[in-house]
Amino acid sequence: MNVINIDSLGSVCLAMYAIRLNPAVTKLIGTIKSEKNYLKHVKQSGYRSYHLIIYYTVDTIKGPKKLQAEIQIRTMAMNFWATIEHSLQYKYKGDMPEHVAERLSKAADAINALDHEMSSVRNEIMDAQNSSQMQSNLVKDILINIENLYKIANKREIMKIQDEFLRVFKTKDLQQLKRFHRQLDIISEGYRAQAVYHHV
């Protein structure tokens, strides 16, 4: 999340994607005096943001000093809209033509839809990456397991296990791979137990 300082008493925090506020996170910011949730309660103009008035303490020569600040949290798209809307309000001196206000409102709705769509796309990408990483870890563990089995098990049996692994791997089915991984763990544990018994 990027932070733009308005002045010494305020900041705008910009998020890349649709904002999901976690109460535990907001508590870390400081002591919250008040909040205004314009994400749930959108202004008539279309303005969306999340505002916090907080207290925070700074150390000074005279000792700790309690200050008040405002933090505004919104996406980059929301901030772009807010910047344009603010400049137009200044241009029209607070008396914006109805047709301009209407277009701004529609643009705000479009931006909100875009934010959520991009968040959805990002989540799909993250899910795919996590799935790929999980598959990579499973394959690594399976190969190590098979390699270790060659030291203690019948090679013909290991070849069958290896062929089954290749079959499962080619399906690219993560659930099948997980099941094979669990089954291989059980088989490996059995062979290790046998090896210990014969060694004793």
N, C-alpha and C. Protein backbone atom coordinates (compact mmCIF):
# COMPACT_ATOMS: atom_id res chain seq x y z
N MET A 1 0.85 -1.19 0.00
CA MET A 1 0.00 0.00 0.00
C MET A 1 0.89 1.24 0.00
N ASN A 2 0.68 2.13 -0.96
CA ASN A 2 1.45 3.36 -1.03
C ASN A 2 0.81 4.43 -0.15
N VAL A 3 1.67 5.31 0.38
CA VAL A 3 1.17 6.39 1.25
C VAL A 3 1.59 7.73 0.68
N ILE A 4 0.63 8.64 0.52
CA ILE A 4 0.91 10.00 0.07
C ILE A 4 0.62 10.93 1.23
N ASN A 5 1.61 11.68 1.66
CA ASN A 5 1.40 12.62 2.76
C ASN A 5 0.68 13.87 2.24
N ILE A 6 -0.43 14.20 2.90
CA ILE A 6 -1.14 15.44 2.59
C ILE A 6 -0.41 16.60 3.26
N ASP A 7 -0.14 16.43 4.53
CA ASP A 7 0.67 17.37 5.31
C ASP A 7 1.09 16.61 6.55
N SER A 8 1.57 17.34 7.56
CA SER A 8 2.06 16.67 8.77
C SER A 8 0.95 16.01 9.56
N LEU A 9 -0.30 16.33 9.23
CA LEU A 9 -1.42 15.80 10.00
C LEU A 9 -2.34 14.89 9.20
N GLY A 10 -1.90 14.45 8.03
CA GLY A 10 -2.78 13.58 7.26
C GLY A 10 -2.06 12.83 6.16
N SER A 11 -2.62 11.68 5.79
CA SER A 11 -2.05 10.86 4.72
C SER A 11 -3.17 10.20 3.94
N VAL A 12 -2.88 9.93 2.67
CA VAL A 12 -3.76 9.11 1.85
C VAL A 12 -3.03 7.80 1.56
N CYS A 13 -3.65 6.67 1.92
CA CYS A 13 -3.06 5.36 1.66
C CYS A 13 -3.72 4.78 0.41
N LEU A 14 -2.90 4.44 -0.57
CA LEU A 14 -3.43 3.93 -1.82
C LEU A 14 -3.20 2.43 -1.93
N ALA A 15 -4.28 1.71 -2.22
CA ALA A 15 -4.20 0.26 -2.40
C ALA A 15 -4.32 -0.07 -3.89
N MET A 16 -3.64 -1.15 -4.30
CA MET A 16 -3.69 -1.54 -5.70
C MET A 16 -5.05 -2.12 -6.07
N TYR A 17 -5.68 -2.81 -5.11
CA TYR A 17 -6.91 -3.53 -5.42
C TYR A 17 -8.02 -3.14 -4.45
N ALA A 18 -9.20 -3.69 -4.66
CA ALA A 18 -10.36 -3.37 -3.81
C ALA A 18 -10.00 -3.54 -2.34
N ILE A 19 -10.46 -2.60 -1.53
CA ILE A 19 -10.04 -2.54 -0.12
C ILE A 19 -10.86 -3.50 0.73
N ARG A 20 -10.16 -4.29 1.54
CA ARG A 20 -10.80 -5.13 2.55
C ARG A 20 -10.18 -4.74 3.88
N LEU A 21 -10.97 -4.14 4.74
CA LEU A 21 -10.44 -3.60 5.99
C LEU A 21 -10.48 -4.64 7.10
N ASN A 22 -9.36 -4.82 7.75
CA ASN A 22 -9.23 -5.75 8.86
C ASN A 22 -9.14 -4.95 10.15
N PRO A 23 -10.08 -5.10 11.07
CA PRO A 23 -10.05 -4.34 12.33
C PRO A 23 -8.73 -4.47 13.08
N ALA A 24 -8.12 -5.65 13.02
CA ALA A 24 -6.85 -5.86 13.72
C ALA A 24 -5.76 -4.96 13.15
N VAL A 25 -5.83 -4.70 11.82
CA VAL A 25 -4.83 -3.86 11.18
C VAL A 25 -5.06 -2.39 11.55
N THR A 26 -6.33 -1.96 11.53
CA THR A 26 -6.61 -0.56 11.83
C THR A 26 -6.18 -0.20 13.25
N LYS A 27 -6.21 -1.19 14.16
CA LYS A 27 -5.81 -0.92 15.55
C LYS A 27 -4.32 -0.63 15.65
N LEU A 28 -3.54 -1.15 14.70
CA LEU A 28 -2.10 -0.93 14.72
C LEU A 28 -1.74 0.50 14.32
N ILE A 29 -2.66 1.20 13.66
CA ILE A 29 -2.39 2.55 13.18
C ILE A 29 -2.22 3.51 14.33
N GLY A 30 -3.00 3.35 15.35
CA GLY A 30 -3.00 4.26 16.50
C GLY A 30 -4.33 4.16 17.20
N THR A 31 -4.58 5.10 18.12
CA THR A 31 -5.87 5.13 18.79
C THR A 31 -6.89 5.79 17.87
N ILE A 32 -7.92 5.07 17.52
CA ILE A 32 -8.90 5.59 16.57
C ILE A 32 -9.94 6.44 17.31
N LYS A 33 -10.05 7.69 16.88
CA LYS A 33 -11.03 8.60 17.47
C LYS A 33 -12.38 8.42 16.78
N SER A 34 -12.35 8.36 15.44
CA SER A 34 -13.59 8.19 14.68
C SER A 34 -13.28 7.65 13.30
N GLU A 35 -14.30 7.18 12.63
CA GLU A 35 -14.11 6.67 11.27
C GLU A 35 -15.33 7.01 10.42
N LYS A 36 -15.08 7.16 9.13
CA LYS A 36 -16.16 7.41 8.17
C LYS A 36 -15.94 6.43 7.01
N ASN A 37 -16.89 5.53 6.87
CA ASN A 37 -16.76 4.50 5.86
C ASN A 37 -17.56 4.87 4.61
N TYR A 38 -16.88 5.54 3.67
CA TYR A 38 -17.54 5.92 2.42
C TYR A 38 -17.45 4.79 1.39
N LEU A 39 -16.98 3.62 1.82
CA LEU A 39 -17.04 2.45 0.95
C LEU A 39 -18.42 1.81 1.05
N LYS A 40 -18.91 1.75 2.29
CA LYS A 40 -20.27 1.23 2.52
C LYS A 40 -21.32 2.30 2.30
N HIS A 41 -20.99 3.51 2.73
CA HIS A 41 -21.95 4.62 2.62
C HIS A 41 -21.39 5.63 1.61
N VAL A 42 -21.57 5.30 0.34
CA VAL A 42 -21.01 6.12 -0.75
C VAL A 42 -21.69 7.49 -0.78
N LYS A 43 -20.87 8.53 -0.97
CA LYS A 43 -21.44 9.88 -1.07
C LYS A 43 -22.26 9.99 -2.35
N GLN A 44 -23.18 10.93 -2.35
CA GLN A 44 -24.06 11.13 -3.50
C GLN A 44 -23.27 11.40 -4.77
N SER A 45 -22.13 12.05 -4.62
CA SER A 45 -21.29 12.38 -5.77
C SER A 45 -20.65 11.15 -6.39
N GLY A 46 -20.57 10.05 -5.59
CA GLY A 46 -19.89 8.84 -6.05
C GLY A 46 -18.58 8.62 -5.33
N TYR A 47 -18.22 9.55 -4.44
CA TYR A 47 -16.95 9.46 -3.70
C TYR A 47 -16.91 8.23 -2.81
N ARG A 48 -15.80 7.49 -2.94
CA ARG A 48 -15.57 6.31 -2.10
C ARG A 48 -14.21 6.42 -1.44
N SER A 49 -14.18 6.12 -0.16
CA SER A 49 -12.92 6.14 0.58
C SER A 49 -13.21 5.66 2.00
N TYR A 50 -12.16 5.46 2.76
CA TYR A 50 -12.32 5.08 4.17
C TYR A 50 -11.46 6.04 4.98
N HIS A 51 -12.09 6.79 5.86
CA HIS A 51 -11.39 7.82 6.63
C HIS A 51 -11.27 7.42 8.10
N LEU A 52 -10.09 7.64 8.63
CA LEU A 52 -9.85 7.42 10.06
C LEU A 52 -9.28 8.68 10.68
N ILE A 53 -9.84 9.09 11.79
CA ILE A 53 -9.22 10.13 12.61
C ILE A 53 -8.55 9.40 13.77
N ILE A 54 -7.24 9.58 13.89
CA ILE A 54 -6.51 8.83 14.91
C ILE A 54 -5.72 9.77 15.82
N TYR A 55 -5.36 9.25 16.97
CA TYR A 55 -4.40 9.89 17.86
C TYR A 55 -3.13 9.08 17.82
N TYR A 56 -1.99 9.76 17.76
CA TYR A 56 -0.72 9.06 17.87
C TYR A 56 0.24 9.92 18.69
N THR A 57 1.21 9.28 19.27
CA THR A 57 2.12 9.96 20.19
C THR A 57 3.50 10.11 19.56
N VAL A 58 4.07 11.31 19.68
CA VAL A 58 5.44 11.55 19.22
C VAL A 58 6.27 12.03 20.39
N ASP A 59 7.55 11.73 20.35
CA ASP A 59 8.46 12.19 21.39
C ASP A 59 9.01 13.56 21.04
N THR A 60 8.90 14.50 21.97
CA THR A 60 9.44 15.85 21.77
C THR A 60 10.41 16.16 22.91
N ILE A 61 11.06 17.30 22.80
CA ILE A 61 12.00 17.72 23.84
C ILE A 61 11.29 17.86 25.18
N LYS A 62 10.03 18.26 25.13
CA LYS A 62 9.25 18.46 26.35
C LYS A 62 8.54 17.18 26.81
N GLY A 63 8.83 16.08 26.10
CA GLY A 63 8.20 14.81 26.46
C GLY A 63 7.20 14.35 25.42
N PRO A 64 6.51 13.24 25.65
CA PRO A 64 5.54 12.70 24.68
C PRO A 64 4.41 13.70 24.41
N LYS A 65 4.04 13.79 23.13
CA LYS A 65 2.96 14.69 22.74
C LYS A 65 1.94 13.93 21.91
N LYS A 66 0.67 14.10 22.26
CA LYS A 66 -0.41 13.42 21.55
C LYS A 66 -0.90 14.29 20.40
N LEU A 67 -0.88 13.73 19.19
CA LEU A 67 -1.32 14.46 18.01
C LEU A 67 -2.51 13.76 17.36
N GLN A 68 -3.24 14.54 16.59
CA GLN A 68 -4.38 13.99 15.87
C GLN A 68 -4.08 14.03 14.38
N ALA A 69 -4.48 13.00 13.67
CA ALA A 69 -4.24 12.96 12.23
C ALA A 69 -5.40 12.26 11.53
N GLU A 70 -5.55 12.53 10.24
CA GLU A 70 -6.55 11.86 9.43
C GLU A 70 -5.85 10.98 8.40
N ILE A 71 -6.33 9.76 8.28
CA ILE A 71 -5.82 8.83 7.27
C ILE A 71 -6.98 8.49 6.34
N GLN A 72 -6.74 8.64 5.05
CA GLN A 72 -7.74 8.29 4.05
C GLN A 72 -7.22 7.11 3.24
N ILE A 73 -8.03 6.06 3.18
CA ILE A 73 -7.62 4.83 2.49
C ILE A 73 -8.53 4.61 1.29
N ARG A 74 -7.92 4.49 0.11
CA ARG A 74 -8.68 4.22 -1.10
C ARG A 74 -7.77 3.60 -2.16
N THR A 75 -8.39 3.05 -3.18
CA THR A 75 -7.60 2.46 -4.26
C THR A 75 -7.06 3.59 -5.15
N MET A 76 -6.10 3.23 -6.02
CA MET A 76 -5.53 4.22 -6.93
C MET A 76 -6.60 4.78 -7.86
N ALA A 77 -7.51 3.90 -8.30
CA ALA A 77 -8.58 4.36 -9.19
C ALA A 77 -9.50 5.33 -8.46
N MET A 78 -9.84 5.01 -7.20
CA MET A 78 -10.67 5.92 -6.39
C MET A 78 -9.98 7.26 -6.20
N ASN A 79 -8.66 7.21 -5.99
CA ASN A 79 -7.92 8.46 -5.76
C ASN A 79 -7.88 9.31 -7.02
N PHE A 80 -7.74 8.64 -8.18
CA PHE A 80 -7.76 9.36 -9.45
C PHE A 80 -9.10 10.08 -9.61
N TRP A 81 -10.20 9.35 -9.31
CA TRP A 81 -11.53 9.94 -9.42
C TRP A 81 -11.65 11.12 -8.46
N ALA A 82 -11.20 10.95 -7.22
CA ALA A 82 -11.32 12.00 -6.20
C ALA A 82 -10.53 13.24 -6.60
N THR A 83 -9.37 13.04 -7.23
CA THR A 83 -8.54 14.17 -7.67
C THR A 83 -9.26 14.96 -8.76
N ILE A 84 -9.84 14.23 -9.73
CA ILE A 84 -10.58 14.91 -10.81
C ILE A 84 -11.80 15.63 -10.27
N GLU A 85 -12.53 14.96 -9.39
CA GLU A 85 -13.75 15.55 -8.81
C GLU A 85 -13.42 16.82 -8.03
N HIS A 86 -12.32 16.78 -7.28
CA HIS A 86 -11.91 17.93 -6.48
C HIS A 86 -11.56 19.12 -7.39
N SER A 87 -10.84 18.83 -8.48
CA SER A 87 -10.43 19.91 -9.39
C SER A 87 -11.64 20.52 -10.10
N LEU A 88 -12.64 19.66 -10.40
CA LEU A 88 -13.85 20.17 -11.04
C LEU A 88 -14.69 21.00 -10.07
N GLN A 89 -14.74 20.58 -8.82
CA GLN A 89 -15.45 21.36 -7.80
C GLN A 89 -14.81 22.75 -7.67
N TYR A 90 -13.47 22.78 -7.74
CA TYR A 90 -12.75 24.05 -7.64
C TYR A 90 -13.03 24.91 -8.88
N LYS A 91 -13.04 24.26 -10.05
CA LYS A 91 -13.28 24.98 -11.30
C LYS A 91 -14.67 25.60 -11.33
N TYR A 92 -15.67 24.82 -10.88
CA TYR A 92 -17.05 25.31 -10.92
C TYR A 92 -17.45 26.00 -9.61
N LYS A 93 -16.48 26.17 -8.72
CA LYS A 93 -16.70 26.87 -7.45
C LYS A 93 -17.87 26.26 -6.66
N GLY A 94 -17.91 24.92 -6.65
CA GLY A 94 -18.91 24.21 -5.86
C GLY A 94 -20.27 24.12 -6.52
N ASP A 95 -20.41 24.70 -7.72
CA ASP A 95 -21.70 24.67 -8.42
C ASP A 95 -21.53 23.90 -9.73
N MET A 96 -21.28 22.61 -9.59
CA MET A 96 -21.00 21.78 -10.77
C MET A 96 -22.28 21.53 -11.57
N PRO A 97 -22.20 21.65 -12.88
CA PRO A 97 -23.38 21.38 -13.73
C PRO A 97 -23.88 19.95 -13.52
N GLU A 98 -25.17 19.79 -13.61
CA GLU A 98 -25.78 18.48 -13.33
C GLU A 98 -25.26 17.38 -14.25
N HIS A 99 -25.06 17.71 -15.54
CA HIS A 99 -24.62 16.69 -16.48
C HIS A 99 -23.19 16.23 -16.18
N VAL A 100 -22.37 17.13 -15.68
CA VAL A 100 -20.99 16.77 -15.29
C VAL A 100 -21.02 15.90 -14.05
N ALA A 101 -21.84 16.29 -13.07
CA ALA A 101 -21.96 15.50 -11.83
C ALA A 101 -22.47 14.10 -12.13
N GLU A 102 -23.40 14.01 -13.08
CA GLU A 102 -23.96 12.70 -13.45
C GLU A 102 -22.89 11.82 -14.09
N ARG A 103 -22.08 12.41 -14.96
CA ARG A 103 -21.00 11.65 -15.61
C ARG A 103 -19.97 11.20 -14.58
N LEU A 104 -19.68 12.05 -13.61
CA LEU A 104 -18.74 11.69 -12.55
C LEU A 104 -19.28 10.53 -11.72
N SER A 105 -20.57 10.57 -11.44
CA SER A 105 -21.18 9.50 -10.66
C SER A 105 -21.11 8.17 -11.39
N LYS A 106 -21.37 8.19 -12.71
CA LYS A 106 -21.28 6.98 -13.52
C LYS A 106 -19.84 6.48 -13.58
N ALA A 107 -18.91 7.42 -13.68
CA ALA A 107 -17.48 7.05 -13.71
C ALA A 107 -17.07 6.39 -12.39
N ALA A 108 -17.61 6.90 -11.28
CA ALA A 108 -17.30 6.32 -9.97
C ALA A 108 -17.80 4.88 -9.88
N ASP A 109 -18.99 4.63 -10.41
CA ASP A 109 -19.53 3.26 -10.43
C ASP A 109 -18.66 2.34 -11.29
N ALA A 110 -18.22 2.88 -12.43
CA ALA A 110 -17.36 2.09 -13.33
C ALA A 110 -16.03 1.77 -12.67
N ILE A 111 -15.48 2.74 -11.95
CA ILE A 111 -14.21 2.54 -11.25
C ILE A 111 -14.36 1.48 -10.16
N ASN A 112 -15.48 1.53 -9.45
CA ASN A 112 -15.74 0.54 -8.40
C ASN A 112 -15.82 -0.87 -8.98
N ALA A 113 -16.51 -0.98 -10.12
CA ALA A 113 -16.62 -2.28 -10.80
C ALA A 113 -15.25 -2.76 -11.26
N LEU A 114 -14.45 -1.81 -11.78
CA LEU A 114 -13.10 -2.15 -12.24
C LEU A 114 -12.23 -2.63 -11.09
N ASP A 115 -12.30 -1.95 -9.95
CA ASP A 115 -11.53 -2.35 -8.77
C ASP A 115 -11.84 -3.79 -8.38
N HIS A 116 -13.11 -4.11 -8.33
CA HIS A 116 -13.52 -5.46 -7.92
C HIS A 116 -13.14 -6.51 -8.97
N GLU A 117 -13.24 -6.14 -10.24
CA GLU A 117 -12.87 -7.07 -11.31
C GLU A 117 -11.36 -7.37 -11.26
N MET A 118 -10.55 -6.33 -11.06
CA MET A 118 -9.10 -6.52 -10.98
C MET A 118 -8.72 -7.32 -9.74
N SER A 119 -9.45 -7.13 -8.65
CA SER A 119 -9.20 -7.92 -7.44
C SER A 119 -9.52 -9.38 -7.70
N SER A 120 -10.60 -9.63 -8.44
CA SER A 120 -10.98 -11.00 -8.77
C SER A 120 -9.92 -11.67 -9.64
N VAL A 121 -9.42 -10.93 -10.63
CA VAL A 121 -8.37 -11.45 -11.50
C VAL A 121 -7.11 -11.76 -10.69
N ARG A 122 -6.76 -10.82 -9.82
CA ARG A 122 -5.57 -11.02 -8.98
C ARG A 122 -5.72 -12.26 -8.10
N ASN A 123 -6.90 -12.44 -7.52
CA ASN A 123 -7.13 -13.61 -6.66
C ASN A 123 -6.99 -14.91 -7.44
N GLU A 124 -7.48 -14.91 -8.69
CA GLU A 124 -7.35 -16.11 -9.52
C GLU A 124 -5.89 -16.41 -9.81
N ILE A 125 -5.12 -15.36 -10.08
CA ILE A 125 -3.69 -15.54 -10.35
C ILE A 125 -2.98 -16.06 -9.11
N MET A 126 -3.32 -15.48 -7.95
CA MET A 126 -2.70 -15.92 -6.69
C MET A 126 -3.04 -17.37 -6.38
N ASP A 127 -4.30 -17.75 -6.63
CA ASP A 127 -4.72 -19.14 -6.40
C ASP A 127 -3.94 -20.09 -7.30
N ALA A 128 -3.77 -19.68 -8.56
CA ALA A 128 -3.03 -20.51 -9.51
C ALA A 128 -1.57 -20.65 -9.08
N GLN A 129 -0.98 -19.54 -8.61
CA GLN A 129 0.41 -19.58 -8.17
C GLN A 129 0.57 -20.46 -6.94
N ASN A 130 -0.37 -20.34 -6.00
CA ASN A 130 -0.32 -21.16 -4.79
C ASN A 130 -0.47 -22.64 -5.12
N SER A 131 -1.38 -22.92 -6.06
CA SER A 131 -1.60 -24.30 -6.48
C SER A 131 -0.34 -24.87 -7.14
N SER A 132 0.29 -24.04 -7.97
CA SER A 132 1.52 -24.46 -8.65
C SER A 132 2.64 -24.72 -7.65
N GLN A 133 2.74 -23.85 -6.63
CA GLN A 133 3.77 -24.03 -5.61
C GLN A 133 3.51 -25.28 -4.79
N MET A 134 2.24 -25.53 -4.46
CA MET A 134 1.88 -26.72 -3.70
C MET A 134 2.22 -27.98 -4.49
N GLN A 135 1.90 -27.95 -5.79
CA GLN A 135 2.21 -29.10 -6.64
C GLN A 135 3.71 -29.34 -6.70
N SER A 136 4.46 -28.25 -6.82
CA SER A 136 5.92 -28.36 -6.88
C SER A 136 6.48 -28.98 -5.60
N ASN A 137 5.94 -28.58 -4.46
CA ASN A 137 6.40 -29.12 -3.17
C ASN A 137 6.05 -30.60 -3.03
N LEU A 138 4.84 -30.96 -3.49
CA LEU A 138 4.41 -32.36 -3.42
C LEU A 138 5.31 -33.24 -4.29
N VAL A 139 5.57 -32.78 -5.51
CA VAL A 139 6.42 -33.55 -6.43
C VAL A 139 7.82 -33.72 -5.85
N LYS A 140 8.33 -32.67 -5.25
CA LYS A 140 9.67 -32.73 -4.63
C LYS A 140 9.70 -33.78 -3.52
N ASP A 141 8.69 -33.77 -2.65
CA ASP A 141 8.61 -34.75 -1.56
C ASP A 141 8.47 -36.18 -2.09
N ILE A 142 7.64 -36.34 -3.12
CA ILE A 142 7.42 -37.67 -3.70
C ILE A 142 8.71 -38.22 -4.29
N LEU A 143 9.43 -37.39 -5.02
CA LEU A 143 10.68 -37.84 -5.65
C LEU A 143 11.73 -38.22 -4.60
N ILE A 144 11.77 -37.45 -3.52
CA ILE A 144 12.70 -37.77 -2.42
C ILE A 144 12.32 -39.10 -1.78
N ASN A 145 11.01 -39.28 -1.61
CA ASN A 145 10.48 -40.53 -1.03
C ASN A 145 10.84 -41.73 -1.90
N ILE A 146 10.63 -41.58 -3.20
CA ILE A 146 10.94 -42.67 -4.13
C ILE A 146 12.44 -42.98 -4.13
N GLU A 147 13.23 -41.93 -4.11
CA GLU A 147 14.70 -42.11 -4.08
C GLU A 147 15.12 -42.87 -2.82
N ASN A 148 14.52 -42.53 -1.69
CA ASN A 148 14.85 -43.21 -0.43
C ASN A 148 14.38 -44.66 -0.43
N LEU A 149 13.24 -44.90 -1.10
CA LEU A 149 12.72 -46.27 -1.16
C LEU A 149 13.65 -47.21 -1.92
N TYR A 150 14.38 -46.67 -2.89
CA TYR A 150 15.31 -47.51 -3.66
C TYR A 150 16.38 -48.13 -2.74
N LYS A 151 16.60 -47.52 -1.58
CA LYS A 151 17.63 -48.01 -0.67
C LYS A 151 17.13 -49.16 0.21
N ILE A 152 15.81 -49.27 0.36
CA ILE A 152 15.29 -50.25 1.32
C ILE A 152 14.22 -51.18 0.76
N ALA A 153 13.72 -50.91 -0.45
CA ALA A 153 12.60 -51.70 -0.98
C ALA A 153 13.01 -52.45 -2.25
N ASN A 154 12.11 -53.36 -2.64
CA ASN A 154 12.30 -54.13 -3.86
C ASN A 154 12.21 -53.20 -5.08
N LYS A 155 13.22 -53.28 -5.96
CA LYS A 155 13.28 -52.35 -7.09
C LYS A 155 12.10 -52.51 -8.03
N ARG A 156 11.60 -53.73 -8.18
CA ARG A 156 10.45 -53.95 -9.05
C ARG A 156 9.22 -53.22 -8.51
N GLU A 157 9.05 -53.26 -7.18
CA GLU A 157 7.93 -52.56 -6.55
C GLU A 157 8.09 -51.04 -6.72
N ILE A 158 9.32 -50.59 -6.59
CA ILE A 158 9.57 -49.15 -6.72
C ILE A 158 9.29 -48.67 -8.14
N MET A 159 9.61 -49.52 -9.12
CA MET A 159 9.33 -49.17 -10.52
C MET A 159 7.82 -49.02 -10.74
N LYS A 160 7.02 -49.88 -10.09
CA LYS A 160 5.57 -49.78 -10.20
C LYS A 160 5.08 -48.47 -9.58
N ILE A 161 5.66 -48.14 -8.42
CA ILE A 161 5.30 -46.89 -7.74
C ILE A 161 5.67 -45.69 -8.62
N GLN A 162 6.83 -45.76 -9.22
CA GLN A 162 7.30 -44.68 -10.07
C GLN A 162 6.40 -44.51 -11.30
N ASP A 163 5.98 -45.63 -11.89
CA ASP A 163 5.07 -45.56 -13.05
C ASP A 163 3.73 -44.95 -12.66
N GLU A 164 3.25 -45.33 -11.47
CA GLU A 164 1.98 -44.78 -10.99
C GLU A 164 2.11 -43.28 -10.74
N PHE A 165 3.24 -42.87 -10.21
CA PHE A 165 3.49 -41.44 -9.99
C PHE A 165 3.45 -40.68 -11.32
N LEU A 166 4.11 -41.21 -12.34
CA LEU A 166 4.12 -40.55 -13.65
C LEU A 166 2.72 -40.44 -14.22
N ARG A 167 1.90 -41.49 -14.00
CA ARG A 167 0.52 -41.46 -14.48
C ARG A 167 -0.26 -40.35 -13.80
N VAL A 168 -0.13 -40.29 -12.46
CA VAL A 168 -0.84 -39.26 -11.69
C VAL A 168 -0.34 -37.87 -12.06
N PHE A 169 0.96 -37.73 -12.20
CA PHE A 169 1.56 -36.43 -12.51
C PHE A 169 1.04 -35.89 -13.85
N LYS A 170 0.87 -36.77 -14.83
CA LYS A 170 0.40 -36.35 -16.15
C LYS A 170 -1.04 -35.87 -16.14
N THR A 171 -1.81 -36.30 -15.15
CA THR A 171 -3.20 -35.84 -15.07
C THR A 171 -3.29 -34.37 -14.66
N LYS A 172 -2.22 -33.87 -14.02
CA LYS A 172 -2.17 -32.49 -13.50
C LYS A 172 -3.31 -32.22 -12.52
N ASP A 173 -3.76 -33.28 -11.86
CA ASP A 173 -4.83 -33.18 -10.87
C ASP A 173 -4.20 -33.10 -9.48
N LEU A 174 -4.33 -31.94 -8.85
CA LEU A 174 -3.68 -31.72 -7.56
C LEU A 174 -4.21 -32.67 -6.48
N GLN A 175 -5.52 -32.94 -6.52
CA GLN A 175 -6.12 -33.82 -5.52
C GLN A 175 -5.59 -35.25 -5.64
N GLN A 176 -5.45 -35.73 -6.89
CA GLN A 176 -4.88 -37.06 -7.10
C GLN A 176 -3.43 -37.12 -6.61
N LEU A 177 -2.72 -36.03 -6.86
CA LEU A 177 -1.32 -35.96 -6.43
C LEU A 177 -1.21 -35.99 -4.91
N LYS A 178 -2.15 -35.29 -4.24
CA LYS A 178 -2.16 -35.30 -2.77
C LYS A 178 -2.43 -36.70 -2.24
N ARG A 179 -3.40 -37.39 -2.86
CA ARG A 179 -3.73 -38.76 -2.43
C ARG A 179 -2.54 -39.69 -2.63
N PHE A 180 -1.88 -39.57 -3.78
CA PHE A 180 -0.71 -40.40 -4.05
C PHE A 180 0.39 -40.12 -3.02
N HIS A 181 0.56 -38.85 -2.68
CA HIS A 181 1.57 -38.44 -1.70
C HIS A 181 1.30 -39.09 -0.35
N ARG A 182 0.03 -39.08 0.09
CA ARG A 182 -0.34 -39.68 1.37
C ARG A 182 -0.11 -41.20 1.34
N GLN A 183 -0.53 -41.82 0.22
CA GLN A 183 -0.36 -43.27 0.09
C GLN A 183 1.12 -43.65 0.09
N LEU A 184 1.92 -42.85 -0.59
CA LEU A 184 3.36 -43.13 -0.65
C LEU A 184 4.00 -42.98 0.73
N ASP A 185 3.52 -42.01 1.49
CA ASP A 185 4.02 -41.85 2.87
C ASP A 185 3.75 -43.11 3.69
N ILE A 186 2.54 -43.67 3.54
CA ILE A 186 2.17 -44.88 4.28
C ILE A 186 3.05 -46.06 3.84
N ILE A 187 3.24 -46.20 2.52
CA ILE A 187 4.07 -47.28 1.99
C ILE A 187 5.51 -47.13 2.49
N SER A 188 6.02 -45.91 2.42
CA SER A 188 7.40 -45.64 2.86
C SER A 188 7.58 -45.96 4.33
N GLU A 189 6.59 -45.57 5.14
CA GLU A 189 6.65 -45.84 6.57
C GLU A 189 6.67 -47.34 6.83
N GLY A 190 5.91 -48.09 6.05
CA GLY A 190 5.89 -49.55 6.20
C GLY A 190 7.24 -50.16 5.87
N TYR A 191 7.85 -49.72 4.78
CA TYR A 191 9.16 -50.23 4.39
C TYR A 191 10.23 -49.86 5.43
N ARG A 192 10.14 -48.65 5.96
CA ARG A 192 11.12 -48.23 6.98
C ARG A 192 10.98 -49.07 8.24
N ALA A 193 9.72 -49.36 8.60
CA ALA A 193 9.48 -50.19 9.79
C ALA A 193 10.06 -51.60 9.59
N GLN A 194 9.87 -52.15 8.38
CA GLN A 194 10.43 -53.45 8.05
C GLN A 194 11.95 -53.44 8.13
N ALA A 195 12.54 -52.36 7.60
CA ALA A 195 14.00 -52.24 7.58
C ALA A 195 14.54 -52.21 9.00
N VAL A 196 13.86 -51.50 9.89
CA VAL A 196 14.30 -51.41 11.30
C VAL A 196 14.16 -52.77 11.98
N TYR A 197 13.03 -53.46 11.68
CA TYR A 197 12.78 -54.79 12.28
C TYR A 197 13.87 -55.78 11.86
N HIS A 198 14.20 -55.80 10.57
CA HIS A 198 15.22 -56.74 10.09
C HIS A 198 16.60 -56.37 10.63
N HIS A 199 16.83 -55.07 10.82
CA HIS A 199 18.13 -54.63 11.34
C HIS A 199 18.30 -55.08 12.79
N VAL A 200 17.19 -55.05 13.54
CA VAL A 200 17.23 -55.48 14.96
C VAL A 200 17.39 -56.98 15.01
